Protein backbone atom coordinates (compact mmCIF):
# COMPACT_ATOMS: atom_id res chain seq x y z
CA MET A 1 8.74 -1.61 19.56
CA GLU A 2 12.33 -0.66 19.10
CA HIS A 3 13.45 3.00 18.29
CA ASN A 4 9.78 4.12 18.05
CA GLN A 5 9.33 1.59 15.24
CA VAL A 6 6.76 -1.16 14.88
CA TYR A 7 7.63 -4.17 12.67
CA SER A 8 5.26 -6.24 10.80
CA GLY A 9 6.16 -9.85 10.56
CA GLY A 10 9.56 -8.88 12.16
CA THR A 11 10.66 -7.45 8.95
CA PHE A 12 8.75 -4.50 7.58
CA VAL A 13 8.63 -1.06 9.46
CA THR A 14 4.89 -0.30 9.87
CA ASN A 15 3.58 3.13 10.83
CA PHE A 16 0.16 3.68 12.33
CA GLN A 17 0.29 7.24 10.92
CA VAL A 18 1.31 8.55 7.56
CA ALA A 19 3.68 11.41 6.95
CA ARG A 20 3.50 11.38 3.07
CA MET A 21 0.59 10.85 0.86
CA GLY A 22 -0.10 11.07 -2.79
CA THR A 23 -2.72 9.76 -5.51
CA ILE A 24 -2.20 6.49 -7.11
CA PRO A 25 -2.33 6.76 -10.93
CA SER A 26 -3.92 4.13 -13.08
CA GLY A 27 -1.79 1.27 -14.10
CA ASN A 28 1.01 -0.43 -12.16
CA PHE A 29 2.16 1.49 -9.25
CA ASN A 30 5.12 1.26 -6.69
CA ILE A 31 7.38 3.59 -4.75
CA THR A 32 10.97 2.91 -5.55
CA VAL A 33 13.79 4.42 -3.55
CA SER A 34 17.48 3.63 -4.35
CA GLY A 35 16.35 0.65 -6.47
CA GLN A 36 14.15 -0.96 -3.87
CA LYS A 37 10.37 -0.93 -3.58
CA ARG A 38 9.22 0.79 -0.44
CA PRO A 39 6.15 -0.52 1.38
CA PHE A 40 3.00 1.67 1.58
CA LEU A 41 -0.44 1.72 2.80
CA ILE A 42 -3.58 2.26 0.61
CA LYS A 43 -6.59 4.56 1.14
CA ASN A 44 -9.78 3.96 -1.03
CA ILE A 45 -11.25 7.35 -1.26
CA THR A 46 -14.56 6.09 -2.66
CA GLU A 47 -17.77 4.91 -0.81
CA ASP A 48 -17.42 1.41 -2.58
CA ASN A 49 -15.36 -1.62 -2.07
CA VAL A 50 -12.71 -1.78 -4.81
CA GLU A 51 -11.27 -5.08 -5.99
CA VAL A 52 -7.35 -4.71 -6.94
CA GLU A 53 -4.36 -6.81 -7.45
CA ILE A 54 -1.57 -6.22 -4.97
CA VAL A 55 1.90 -7.46 -4.23
CA PRO A 56 2.01 -7.56 -0.41
CA ALA A 57 5.33 -6.40 1.13
CA GLY A 58 6.28 -9.98 2.36
CA GLN A 59 5.49 -11.74 -0.95
CA THR A 60 6.86 -11.58 -4.49
CA THR A 61 3.58 -12.59 -5.99
CA ALA A 62 0.35 -10.72 -6.66
CA ILE A 63 -2.97 -11.43 -5.03
CA THR A 64 -6.39 -10.10 -5.66
CA THR A 65 -7.99 -8.43 -2.69
CA VAL A 66 -10.85 -6.00 -1.78
CA LEU A 67 -10.01 -2.55 -0.45
CA TYR A 68 -12.76 -1.12 1.73
CA PRO A 69 -13.49 2.67 1.90
CA GLY A 70 -10.86 4.44 4.04
CA TRP A 71 -7.39 3.06 5.03
CA ASN A 72 -6.73 -0.62 4.57
CA VAL A 73 -4.48 -2.83 6.60
CA GLU A 74 -2.44 -4.35 3.86
CA ILE A 75 1.21 -3.26 3.62
CA VAL A 76 1.99 -3.26 -0.07
CA ASN A 77 4.93 -3.23 -2.32
CA GLN A 78 2.98 -2.68 -5.62
CA ILE A 79 -0.54 -2.38 -7.15
CA ASN A 80 -1.20 -3.84 -10.54
CA ASN A 81 -3.75 -2.25 -12.92
CA ALA A 82 -4.77 0.36 -10.42
CA PRO A 83 -8.02 2.09 -11.25
CA ALA A 84 -7.77 5.81 -11.88
CA ASP A 85 -8.46 8.45 -9.32
CA ILE A 86 -9.83 6.33 -6.50
CA LEU A 87 -6.83 5.29 -4.39
CA GLN A 88 -4.06 7.11 -2.47
CA TYR A 89 -0.94 5.80 -0.89
CA GLY A 90 0.59 6.81 2.46
CA PHE A 91 3.87 5.96 4.37
């Protein structure tokens, strides 16, 4: 831990708590700041598992994964074809 930051894979700053949250709209979603995608965490606000296609922060290609209810461990740069009104982001 350096400067109160934790690094995932030695590259991406990871937070154990989130300071900003929002709802993920349907369709493709990412957070872009100054032309670069910003990594974020995903919260499934339903009681059911949800299968989604994500681009993990350390990859350039998408992968299909299952998001469990609550906060999930994946650090993500993008969600493809997100379902409406069931996911939130945090960073």
